Amino acid sequence: MVTIESAGISDVGRKREANEDRILIDDAQGLYMVADGMGGHQAGEVASELVVKSICDFLGDSGASNGAARPWARPSPRAERLLAGIEWSNRVVHRTAAEHDAYRGMGSTVAAVYFSEDTLIAANVGDSPIYLVRNGKIDLLSVPHTLLADLPVDAPVPLMGNILTRAVGSKSAVEADICELNCFKGDILVICSDGLSTKVAPAEILAISAAQPPAAACRTLVELANQRGGDDNISAVVLRVTGVRRNPSSFIGKWVGWMKQRLTSIATGTPPGGGPDAEHHA
């Protein structure tokens, strides 16, 4: 079981008239998101709102399907369920855009962190980053889906390199990037929109989030982005892992399975697999 201290702020910034960012903090589900909408005439606001609401409802199993089949038919592992929720939100946004002329072409990024028993799952579409602060270092868990990021390292920098190559709702299907890793007491997660990440360097995000409680860190980060121009909407969600209680039965189950595998390998003469902590990925 993971316990979290969480906080979030979404600010319009200094140049925009409306805030097209949306954040979600759902401690009960262990679900946290930032969505950065795009599209004129308030369509960006609609897109980002639909994204966070549809994913939250999907994972809470409380959302109406509006007559469309859900993208999964039976309970899945938690990471697969998050991916399914993102796919579902893509269908909701894409269908809404198709049904209303004012919303045509709208879409949104999404950056989500979803906690399970003792792991964290990070998934994203678009360029809203997810940072992990651990042991005095900061790592980017998300994968930026921009024209610049998709180019080879030695390629010329394009004039419009920040154009998104993936967004929720812009096409009939979307593929999110996802990673899952063990979490530990003291871990800090920072989810933000590019209105913050383009103004505040990762080293500064590390220093601020490590030195201040989540609520204060959010305020400091947003204020700093505004001081440096506030050209875009600015959103930040800061999460601090305050405790991780691992279930002994899960390790025992792995150990029993491993012992069975060992005994079978001895009886059949086949090589055994790894130990009870070994993880195998296709």
C-alpha atoms as a PDB file:
ATOM      1  CA  MET A   1       0.000   0.000   0.000  1.00  0.00           C
ATOM      2  CA  VAL A   2       1.306   3.441  -0.987  1.00  0.00           C
ATOM      3  CA  THR A   3       0.490   6.627   0.931  1.00  0.00           C
ATOM      4  CA  ILE A   4       0.795   9.940  -0.894  1.00  0.00           C
ATOM      5  CA  GLU A   5       0.966  13.619   0.012  1.00  0.00           C
ATOM      6  CA  SER A   6      -0.413  15.423  -3.023  1.00  0.00           C
ATOM      7  CA  ALA A   7      -1.050  18.928  -4.297  1.00  0.00           C
ATOM      8  CA  GLY A   8      -1.772  20.610  -7.595  1.00  0.00           C
ATOM      9  CA  ILE A   9      -2.254  24.029  -9.171  1.00  0.00           C
ATOM     10  CA  SER A  10      -3.463  25.071 -12.621  1.00  0.00           C
ATOM     11  CA  ASP A  11      -2.912  28.706 -13.559  1.00  0.00           C
ATOM     12  CA  VAL A  12      -3.961  30.637 -16.663  1.00  0.00           C
ATOM     13  CA  GLY A  13      -0.538  32.310 -16.946  1.00  0.00           C
ATOM     14  CA  ARG A  14       0.057  35.900 -18.057  1.00  0.00           C
ATOM     15  CA  LYS A  15      -0.675  35.801 -21.787  1.00  0.00           C
ATOM     16  CA  ARG A  16      -3.703  33.533 -22.296  1.00  0.00           C
ATOM     17  CA  GLU A  17      -7.323  34.545 -21.736  1.00  0.00           C
ATOM     18  CA  ALA A  18      -8.536  31.048 -20.852  1.00  0.00           C
ATOM     19  CA  ASN A  19      -7.038  28.047 -19.105  1.00  0.00           C
ATOM     20  CA  GLU A  20      -7.032  24.981 -21.367  1.00  0.00           C
ATOM     21  CA  ASP A  21      -5.131  22.872 -18.816  1.00  0.00           C
ATOM     22  CA  ARG A  22      -6.875  20.511 -16.426  1.00  0.00           C
ATOM     23  CA  ILE A  23      -5.463  18.633 -13.460  1.00  0.00           C
ATOM     24  CA  LEU A  24      -6.843  15.713 -11.483  1.00  0.00           C
ATOM     25  CA  ILE A  25      -5.957  14.666  -7.943  1.00  0.00           C
ATOM     26  CA  ASP A  26      -7.819  11.539  -6.850  1.00  0.00           C
ATOM     27  CA  ASP A  27      -6.191  10.192  -3.697  1.00  0.00           C
ATOM     28  CA  ALA A  28      -8.869   7.518  -3.307  1.00  0.00           C
ATOM     29  CA  GLN A  29      -7.938   5.922  -6.639  1.00  0.00           C
ATOM     30  CA  GLY A  30      -4.255   6.821  -6.463  1.00  0.00           C
ATOM     31  CA  LEU A  31      -4.701   8.621  -9.790  1.00  0.00           C
ATOM     32  CA  TYR A  32      -3.131  11.952 -10.763  1.00  0.00           C
ATOM     33  CA  MET A  33      -3.214  13.711 -14.135  1.00  0.00           C
ATOM     34  CA  VAL A  34      -2.372  16.804 -16.123  1.00  0.00           C
ATOM     35  CA  ALA A  35      -4.072  17.414 -19.481  1.00  0.00           C
ATOM     36  CA  ASP A  36      -3.191  20.296 -21.812  1.00  0.00           C
ATOM     37  CA  GLY A  37      -5.972  20.934 -24.322  1.00  0.00           C
ATOM     38  CA  MET A  38      -5.698  22.385 -27.800  1.00  0.00           C
ATOM     39  CA  GLY A  39      -8.234  23.828 -30.217  1.00  0.00           C
ATOM     40  CA  GLY A  40      -9.862  27.216 -30.740  1.00  0.00           C
ATOM     41  CA  HIS A  41     -13.114  28.623 -29.359  1.00  0.00           C
ATOM     42  CA  GLN A  42     -12.802  26.887 -25.972  1.00  0.00           C
ATOM     43  CA  ALA A  43     -12.375  23.486 -27.641  1.00  0.00           C
ATOM     44  CA  GLY A  44      -9.087  22.964 -25.800  1.00  0.00           C
ATOM     45  CA  GLU A  45     -10.832  23.419 -22.465  1.00  0.00           C
ATOM     46  CA  VAL A  46     -13.477  20.902 -23.493  1.00  0.00           C
ATOM     47  CA  ALA A  47     -10.885  18.369 -24.667  1.00  0.00           C
ATOM     48  CA  SER A  48      -8.759  18.460 -21.514  1.00  0.00           C
ATOM     49  CA  GLU A  49     -11.860  18.311 -19.297  1.00  0.00           C
ATOM     50  CA  LEU A  50     -13.171  15.295 -21.215  1.00  0.00           C
ATOM     51  CA  VAL A  51      -9.809  13.548 -20.928  1.00  0.00           C
ATOM     52  CA  VAL A  52      -9.413  13.794 -17.162  1.00  0.00           C
ATOM     53  CA  LYS A  53     -13.078  13.044 -16.463  1.00  0.00           C
ATOM     54  CA  SER A  54     -13.383  10.080 -18.819  1.00  0.00           C
ATOM     55  CA  ILE A  55     -10.182   8.427 -17.568  1.00  0.00           C
ATOM     56  CA  CYS A  56     -11.135   8.990 -13.932  1.00  0.00           C
ATOM     57  CA  ASP A  57     -14.644   7.621 -14.502  1.00  0.00           C
ATOM     58  CA  PHE A  58     -13.312   4.690 -16.502  1.00  0.00           C
ATOM     59  CA  LEU A  59     -10.846   3.633 -13.824  1.00  0.00           C
ATOM     60  CA  GLY A  60     -13.464   4.146 -11.135  1.00  0.00           C
ATOM     61  CA  ASP A  61     -15.908   2.155 -13.263  1.00  0.00           C
ATOM     62  CA  SER A  62     -18.537   4.833 -12.750  1.00  0.00           C
ATOM     63  CA  GLY A  63     -18.653   6.471 -16.165  1.00  0.00           C
ATOM     64  CA  ALA A  64     -21.424   5.935 -18.690  1.00  0.00           C
ATOM     65  CA  SER A  65     -20.328   4.374 -21.962  1.00  0.00           C
ATOM     66  CA  ASN A  66     -22.643   6.618 -24.040  1.00  0.00           C
ATOM     67  CA  GLY A  67     -23.555   3.635 -26.169  1.00  0.00           C
ATOM     68  CA  ALA A  68     -19.999   2.797 -27.263  1.00  0.00           C
ATOM     69  CA  ALA A  69     -18.285  -0.455 -26.410  1.00  0.00           C
ATOM     70  CA  ARG A  70     -15.579  -0.150 -23.785  1.00  0.00           C
ATOM     71  CA  PRO A  71     -12.081  -0.960 -25.016  1.00  0.00           C
ATOM     72  CA  TRP A  72     -11.643  -3.832 -22.580  1.00  0.00           C
ATOM     73  CA  ALA A  73     -13.899  -6.774 -21.836  1.00  0.00           C
ATOM     74  CA  ARG A  74     -12.578  -8.149 -18.564  1.00  0.00           C
ATOM     75  CA  PRO A  75     -10.493  -6.938 -15.605  1.00  0.00           C
ATOM     76  CA  SER A  76      -6.884  -6.232 -16.576  1.00  0.00           C
ATOM     77  CA  PRO A  77      -3.672  -5.588 -14.691  1.00  0.00           C
ATOM     78  CA  ARG A  78      -3.550  -2.028 -13.416  1.00  0.00           C
ATOM     79  CA  ALA A  79      -1.181  -0.736 -16.088  1.00  0.00           C
ATOM     80  CA  GLU A  80      -3.279  -2.240 -18.865  1.00  0.00           C
ATOM     81  CA  ARG A  81      -6.340  -0.698 -17.281  1.00  0.00           C
ATOM     82  CA  LEU A  82      -4.759   2.747 -17.363  1.00  0.00           C
ATOM     83  CA  LEU A  83      -3.900   2.293 -21.037  1.00  0.00           C
ATOM     84  CA  ALA A  84      -7.474   1.211 -21.675  1.00  0.00           C
ATOM     85  CA  GLY A  85      -8.710   4.322 -19.873  1.00  0.00           C
ATOM     86  CA  ILE A  86      -6.594   6.534 -22.117  1.00  0.00           C
ATOM     87  CA  GLU A  87      -7.887   4.709 -25.194  1.00  0.00           C
ATOM     88  CA  TRP A  88     -11.429   5.219 -23.921  1.00  0.00           C
ATOM     89  CA  SER A  89     -10.837   8.954 -23.389  1.00  0.00           C
ATOM     90  CA  ASN A  90      -9.512   9.184 -26.956  1.00  0.00           C
ATOM     91  CA  ARG A  91     -12.775   7.751 -28.256  1.00  0.00           C
ATOM     92  CA  VAL A  92     -14.804  10.172 -26.134  1.00  0.00           C
ATOM     93  CA  VAL A  93     -12.877  13.251 -27.312  1.00  0.00           C
ATOM     94  CA  HIS A  94     -12.724  12.135 -30.955  1.00  0.00           C
ATOM     95  CA  ARG A  95     -16.445  11.378 -31.052  1.00  0.00           C
ATOM     96  CA  THR A  96     -17.347  14.692 -29.388  1.00  0.00           C
ATOM     97  CA  ALA A  97     -15.224  16.575 -31.930  1.00  0.00           C
ATOM     98  CA  ALA A  98     -16.930  14.753 -34.801  1.00  0.00           C
ATOM     99  CA  GLU A  99     -20.399  15.569 -33.465  1.00  0.00           C
ATOM    100  CA  HIS A 100     -19.868  19.323 -32.904  1.00  0.00           C
ATOM    101  CA  ASP A 101     -18.471  21.653 -35.559  1.00  0.00           C
ATOM    102  CA  ALA A 102     -17.089  24.037 -32.923  1.00  0.00           C
ATOM    103  CA  TYR A 103     -14.913  21.270 -31.496  1.00  0.00           C
ATOM    104  CA  ARG A 104     -13.493  19.829 -34.715  1.00  0.00           C
ATOM    105  CA  GLY A 105      -9.755  19.280 -34.493  1.00  0.00           C
ATOM    106  CA  MET A 106      -9.623  19.511 -30.713  1.00  0.00           C
ATOM    107  CA  GLY A 107      -7.328  17.278 -28.718  1.00  0.00           C
ATOM    108  CA  SER A 108      -5.308  17.131 -25.537  1.00  0.00           C
ATOM    109  CA  THR A 109      -2.157  15.810 -24.010  1.00  0.00           C
ATOM    110  CA  VAL A 110      -2.394  13.593 -20.958  1.00  0.00           C
ATOM    111  CA  ALA A 111       0.216  12.715 -18.367  1.00  0.00           C
ATOM    112  CA  ALA A 112      -0.962  10.302 -15.691  1.00  0.00           C
ATOM    113  CA  VAL A 113       0.500   8.639 -12.611  1.00  0.00           C
ATOM    114  CA  TYR A 114      -1.426   5.703 -11.181  1.00  0.00           C
ATOM    115  CA  PHE A 115      -0.321   3.936  -8.009  1.00  0.00           C
ATOM    116  CA  SER A 116      -0.871   0.264  -7.297  1.00  0.00           C
ATOM    117  CA  GLU A 117      -0.029  -1.718  -4.172  1.00  0.00           C
ATOM    118  CA  ASP A 118       3.684  -0.883  -4.216  1.00  0.00           C
ATOM    119  CA  THR A 119       4.399   0.380  -7.727  1.00  0.00           C
ATOM    120  CA  LEU A 120       3.800   3.511  -9.749  1.00  0.00           C
ATOM    121  CA  ILE A 121       2.605   3.563 -13.328  1.00  0.00           C
ATOM    122  CA  ALA A 122       3.343   6.560 -15.555  1.00  0.00           C
ATOM    123  CA  ALA A 123       1.607   6.973 -18.905  1.00  0.00           C
ATOM    124  CA  ASN A 124       1.479   9.836 -21.366  1.00  0.00           C
ATOM    125  CA  VAL A 125       0.343  11.083 -24.744  1.00  0.00           C
ATOM    126  CA  GLY A 126       1.769  14.380 -25.978  1.00  0.00           C
ATOM    127  CA  ASP A 127       4.426  16.558 -24.380  1.00  0.00           C
ATOM    128  CA  SER A 128       3.245  17.053 -20.784  1.00  0.00           C
ATOM    129  CA  PRO A 129       6.169  15.653 -18.768  1.00  0.00           C
ATOM    130  CA  ILE A 130       6.281  13.342 -15.756  1.00  0.00           C
ATOM    131  CA  TYR A 131       9.397  13.617 -13.589  1.00  0.00           C
ATOM    132  CA  LEU A 132      10.609  11.247 -10.871  1.00  0.00           C
ATOM    133  CA  VAL A 133      12.816  12.711  -8.148  1.00  0.00           C
ATOM    134  CA  ARG A 134      14.698   9.984  -6.284  1.00  0.00           C
ATOM    135  CA  ASN A 135      17.989   9.915  -4.373  1.00  0.00           C
ATOM    136  CA  GLY A 136      18.897  13.446  -5.384  1.00  0.00           C
ATOM    137  CA  LYS A 137      18.356  12.846  -9.097  1.00  0.00           C
ATOM    138  CA  ILE A 138      15.556  13.684 -11.512  1.00  0.00           C
ATOM    139  CA  ASP A 139      14.472  11.442 -14.372  1.00  0.00           C
ATOM    140  CA  LEU A 140      11.891  11.918 -17.109  1.00  0.00           C
ATOM    141  CA  LEU A 141       9.425   9.016 -17.031  1.00  0.00           C
ATOM    142  CA  SER A 142       7.286  10.243 -19.927  1.00  0.00           C
ATOM    143  CA  VAL A 143       8.100  10.160 -23.642  1.00  0.00           C
ATOM    144  CA  PRO A 144       7.626  13.494 -25.479  1.00  0.00           C
ATOM    145  CA  HIS A 145       5.543  13.081 -28.613  1.00  0.00           C
ATOM    146  CA  THR A 146       6.722  16.066 -30.629  1.00  0.00           C
ATOM    147  CA  LEU A 147       8.211  16.538 -34.071  1.00  0.00           C
ATOM    148  CA  LEU A 148      11.567  17.428 -32.528  1.00  0.00           C
ATOM    149  CA  ALA A 149      11.643  14.437 -30.171  1.00  0.00           C
ATOM    150  CA  ASP A 150      10.821  12.039 -33.003  1.00  0.00           C
ATOM    151  CA  LEU A 151      13.785  13.177 -35.123  1.00  0.00           C
ATOM    152  CA  PRO A 152      17.254  11.582 -34.987  1.00  0.00           C
ATOM    153  CA  VAL A 153      19.655  13.288 -32.590  1.00  0.00           C
ATOM    154  CA  ASP A 154      21.824  14.669 -35.411  1.00  0.00           C
ATOM    155  CA  ALA A 155      18.900  15.939 -37.517  1.00  0.00           C
ATOM    156  CA  PRO A 156      18.457  19.700 -38.091  1.00  0.00           C
ATOM    157  CA  VAL A 157      16.146  21.345 -35.577  1.00  0.00           C
ATOM    158  CA  PRO A 158      12.804  22.062 -37.305  1.00  0.00           C
ATOM    159  CA  LEU A 159      11.215  25.498 -37.071  1.00  0.00           C
ATOM    160  CA  MET A 160       8.043  24.070 -35.483  1.00  0.00           C
ATOM    161  CA  GLY A 161       9.677  21.303 -33.476  1.00  0.00           C
ATOM    162  CA  ASN A 162       7.151  21.557 -30.658  1.00  0.00           C
ATOM    163  CA  ILE A 163       4.262  20.365 -32.855  1.00  0.00           C
ATOM    164  CA  LEU A 164       2.645  17.307 -31.300  1.00  0.00           C
ATOM    165  CA  THR A 165       2.850  14.009 -33.153  1.00  0.00           C
ATOM    166  CA  ARG A 166       0.338  12.360 -30.810  1.00  0.00           C
ATOM    167  CA  ALA A 167      -2.640  13.785 -28.935  1.00  0.00           C
ATOM    168  CA  VAL A 168      -5.721  12.365 -27.279  1.00  0.00           C
ATOM    169  CA  GLY A 169      -8.733  12.766 -29.564  1.00  0.00           C
ATOM    170  CA  SER A 170      -7.019  14.071 -32.675  1.00  0.00           C
ATOM    171  CA  LYS A 171      -7.329  10.677 -34.396  1.00  0.00           C
ATOM    172  CA  SER A 172      -9.634   7.685 -34.026  1.00  0.00           C
ATOM    173  CA  ALA A 173      -6.942   5.744 -32.141  1.00  0.00           C
ATOM    174  CA  VAL A 174      -4.031   6.703 -29.923  1.00  0.00           C
ATOM    175  CA  GLU A 175      -1.029   4.941 -28.443  1.00  0.00           C
ATOM    176  CA  ALA A 176       0.240   5.982 -25.027  1.00  0.00           C
ATOM    177  CA  ASP A 177       3.721   5.343 -23.688  1.00  0.00           C
ATOM    178  CA  ILE A 178       3.818   3.691 -20.286  1.00  0.00           C
ATOM    179  CA  CYS A 179       6.303   2.540 -17.671  1.00  0.00           C
ATOM    180  CA  GLU A 180       5.871   0.797 -14.333  1.00  0.00           C
ATOM    181  CA  LEU A 181       8.395   0.671 -11.530  1.00  0.00           C
ATOM    182  CA  ASN A 182       8.644  -0.001  -7.820  1.00  0.00           C
ATOM    183  CA  CYS A 183       8.107   3.065  -5.683  1.00  0.00           C
ATOM    184  CA  PHE A 184       9.818   3.883  -2.420  1.00  0.00           C
ATOM    185  CA  LYS A 185       9.260   6.177   0.525  1.00  0.00           C
ATOM    186  CA  GLY A 186      10.626   9.602  -0.333  1.00  0.00           C
ATOM    187  CA  ASP A 187       9.952   9.370  -4.059  1.00  0.00           C
ATOM    188  CA  ILE A 188       8.605  12.595  -5.567  1.00  0.00           C
ATOM    189  CA  LEU A 189       6.601  12.777  -8.794  1.00  0.00           C
ATOM    190  CA  VAL A 190       6.086  16.038 -10.669  1.00  0.00           C
ATOM    191  CA  ILE A 191       3.510  16.127 -13.467  1.00  0.00           C
ATOM    192  CA  CYS A 192       3.215  19.376 -15.379  1.00  0.00           C
ATOM    193  CA  SER A 193       2.185  21.060 -18.600  1.00  0.00           C
ATOM    194  CA  ASP A 194       4.699  22.504 -21.032  1.00  0.00           C
ATOM    195  CA  GLY A 195       3.791  25.960 -19.785  1.00  0.00           C
ATOM    196  CA  LEU A 196       5.928  25.044 -16.788  1.00  0.00           C
ATOM    197  CA  SER A 197       8.529  22.700 -18.281  1.00  0.00           C
ATOM    198  CA  THR A 198       9.563  25.234 -20.952  1.00  0.00           C
ATOM    199  CA  LYS A 199      10.226  27.876 -18.276  1.00  0.00           C
ATOM    200  CA  VAL A 200      11.666  25.852 -15.388  1.00  0.00           C
ATOM    201  CA  ALA A 201      14.612  23.506 -15.896  1.00  0.00           C
ATOM    202  CA  PRO A 202      14.584  19.921 -14.557  1.00  0.00           C
ATOM    203  CA  ALA A 203      17.375  20.796 -12.092  1.00  0.00           C
ATOM    204  CA  GLU A 204      15.185  23.578 -10.687  1.00  0.00           C
ATOM    205  CA  ILE A 205      12.175  21.264 -10.485  1.00  0.00           C
ATOM    206  CA  LEU A 206      14.377  18.814  -8.561  1.00  0.00           C
ATOM    207  CA  ALA A 207      15.605  21.436  -6.106  1.00  0.00           C
ATOM    208  CA  ILE A 208      12.185  22.963  -5.454  1.00  0.00           C
ATOM    209  CA  SER A 209      10.204  19.726  -5.126  1.00  0.00           C
ATOM    210  CA  ALA A 210      12.833  18.142  -2.860  1.00  0.00           C
ATOM    211  CA  ALA A 211      13.063  21.152  -0.541  1.00  0.00           C
ATOM    212  CA  GLN A 212       9.378  22.021  -0.145  1.00  0.00           C
ATOM    213  CA  PRO A 213       6.156  20.172   0.682  1.00  0.00           C
ATOM    214  CA  PRO A 214       3.972  19.453  -2.381  1.00  0.00           C
ATOM    215  CA  ALA A 215       1.603  22.417  -1.937  1.00  0.00           C
ATOM    216  CA  ALA A 216       4.435  24.914  -1.486  1.00  0.00           C
ATOM    217  CA  ALA A 217       6.421  23.349  -4.337  1.00  0.00           C
ATOM    218  CA  CYS A 218       3.454  23.745  -6.690  1.00  0.00           C
ATOM    219  CA  ARG A 219       3.109  27.418  -5.794  1.00  0.00           C
ATOM    220  CA  THR A 220       6.828  28.070  -6.228  1.00  0.00           C
ATOM    221  CA  LEU A 221       7.006  26.305  -9.591  1.00  0.00           C
ATOM    222  CA  VAL A 222       3.981  28.122 -11.002  1.00  0.00           C
ATOM    223  CA  GLU A 223       5.177  31.500  -9.691  1.00  0.00           C
ATOM    224  CA  LEU A 224       8.593  30.933 -11.275  1.00  0.00           C
ATOM    225  CA  ALA A 225       7.071  30.095 -14.662  1.00  0.00           C
ATOM    226  CA  ASN A 226       4.941  33.247 -14.466  1.00  0.00           C
ATOM    227  CA  GLN A 227       7.958  35.368 -13.516  1.00  0.00           C
ATOM    228  CA  ARG A 228       9.685  34.102 -16.657  1.00  0.00           C
ATOM    229  CA  GLY A 229       6.885  35.197 -18.946  1.00  0.00           C
ATOM    230  CA  GLY A 230       3.863  33.008 -18.258  1.00  0.00           C
ATOM    231  CA  ASP A 231       3.355  32.608 -22.009  1.00  0.00           C
ATOM    232  CA  ASP A 232       1.103  29.551 -21.656  1.00  0.00           C
ATOM    233  CA  ASN A 233      -1.206  27.985 -19.114  1.00  0.00           C
ATOM    234  CA  ILE A 234       0.820  26.537 -16.235  1.00  0.00           C
ATOM    235  CA  SER A 235      -0.089  23.377 -14.338  1.00  0.00           C
ATOM    236  CA  ALA A 236       1.785  21.337 -11.755  1.00  0.00           C
ATOM    237  CA  VAL A 237       0.915  18.294  -9.669  1.00  0.00           C
ATOM    238  CA  VAL A 238       3.475  17.293  -7.037  1.00  0.00           C
ATOM    239  CA  LEU A 239       3.295  13.938  -5.254  1.00  0.00           C
ATOM    240  CA  ARG A 240       5.456  12.771  -2.366  1.00  0.00           C
ATOM    241  CA  VAL A 241       5.425   9.092  -1.381  1.00  0.00           C
ATOM    242  CA  THR A 242       5.196   9.119   2.419  1.00  0.00           C
ATOM    243  CA  GLY A 243       5.014   5.363   2.911  1.00  0.00           C
ATOM    244  CA  VAL A 244       5.082   2.035   1.108  1.00  0.00           C
ATOM    245  CA  ARG A 245       3.799  -1.076   2.847  1.00  0.00           C
ATOM    246  CA  ARG A 246       4.559  -4.118   0.770  1.00  0.00           C
ATOM    247  CA  ASN A 247       2.282  -7.124   1.035  1.00  0.00           C
ATOM    248  CA  PRO A 248       4.285 -10.125   2.337  1.00  0.00           C
ATOM    249  CA  SER A 249       1.826 -12.512   0.719  1.00  0.00           C
ATOM    250  CA  SER A 250       2.778 -11.250  -2.741  1.00  0.00           C
ATOM    251  CA  PHE A 251       6.423 -12.188  -2.135  1.00  0.00           C
ATOM    252  CA  ILE A 252       5.424 -15.539  -0.633  1.00  0.00           C
ATOM    253  CA  GLY A 253       3.317 -16.225  -3.709  1.00  0.00           C
ATOM    254  CA  LYS A 254       6.290 -15.458  -5.955  1.00  0.00           C
ATOM    255  CA  TRP A 255       8.561 -17.655  -3.799  1.00  0.00           C
ATOM    256  CA  VAL A 256       6.151 -20.606  -3.885  1.00  0.00           C
ATOM    257  CA  GLY A 257       5.835 -20.295  -7.654  1.00  0.00           C
ATOM    258  CA  TRP A 258       9.607 -20.124  -8.016  1.00  0.00           C
ATOM    259  CA  MET A 259      10.099 -23.213  -5.818  1.00  0.00           C
ATOM    260  CA  LYS A 260       7.581 -25.132  -7.904  1.00  0.00           C
ATOM    261  CA  GLN A 261       9.501 -24.093 -11.008  1.00  0.00           C
ATOM    262  CA  ARG A 262      12.773 -25.249  -9.416  1.00  0.00           C
ATOM    263  CA  LEU A 263      11.342 -28.642  -8.468  1.00  0.00           C
ATOM    264  CA  THR A 264       9.890 -29.074 -11.950  1.00  0.00           C
ATOM    265  CA  SER A 265      13.225 -28.184 -13.536  1.00  0.00           C
ATOM    266  CA  ILE A 266      15.027 -30.737 -11.351  1.00  0.00           C
ATOM    267  CA  ALA A 267      12.520 -33.435 -12.265  1.00  0.00           C
ATOM    268  CA  THR A 268      12.592 -32.688 -15.996  1.00  0.00           C
ATOM    269  CA  GLY A 269      16.200 -31.602 -16.359  1.00  0.00           C
ATOM    270  CA  THR A 270      15.245 -28.223 -17.833  1.00  0.00           C
ATOM    271  CA  PRO A 271      17.024 -24.998 -16.764  1.00  0.00           C
ATOM    272  CA  PRO A 272      15.282 -23.109 -13.929  1.00  0.00           C
ATOM    273  CA  GLY A 273      14.105 -19.526 -14.216  1.00  0.00           C
ATOM    274  CA  GLY A 274      15.270 -16.608 -12.104  1.00  0.00           C
ATOM    275  CA  GLY A 275      14.645 -16.133  -8.409  1.00  0.00           C
ATOM    276  CA  PRO A 276      11.388 -14.982  -6.839  1.00  0.00           C
ATOM    277  CA  ASP A 277      12.200 -11.324  -7.497  1.00  0.00           C
ATOM    278  CA  ALA A 278      12.991 -11.847 -11.162  1.00  0.00           C
ATOM    279  CA  GLU A 279      10.806  -9.960 -13.636  1.00  0.00           C
ATOM    280  CA  HIS A 280      10.454 -11.140 -17.193  1.00  0.00           C
ATOM    281  CA  HIS A 281       9.415  -8.861 -20.043  1.00  0.00           C
ATOM    282  CA  ALA A 282       8.529  -9.873 -23.547  1.00  0.00           C
END
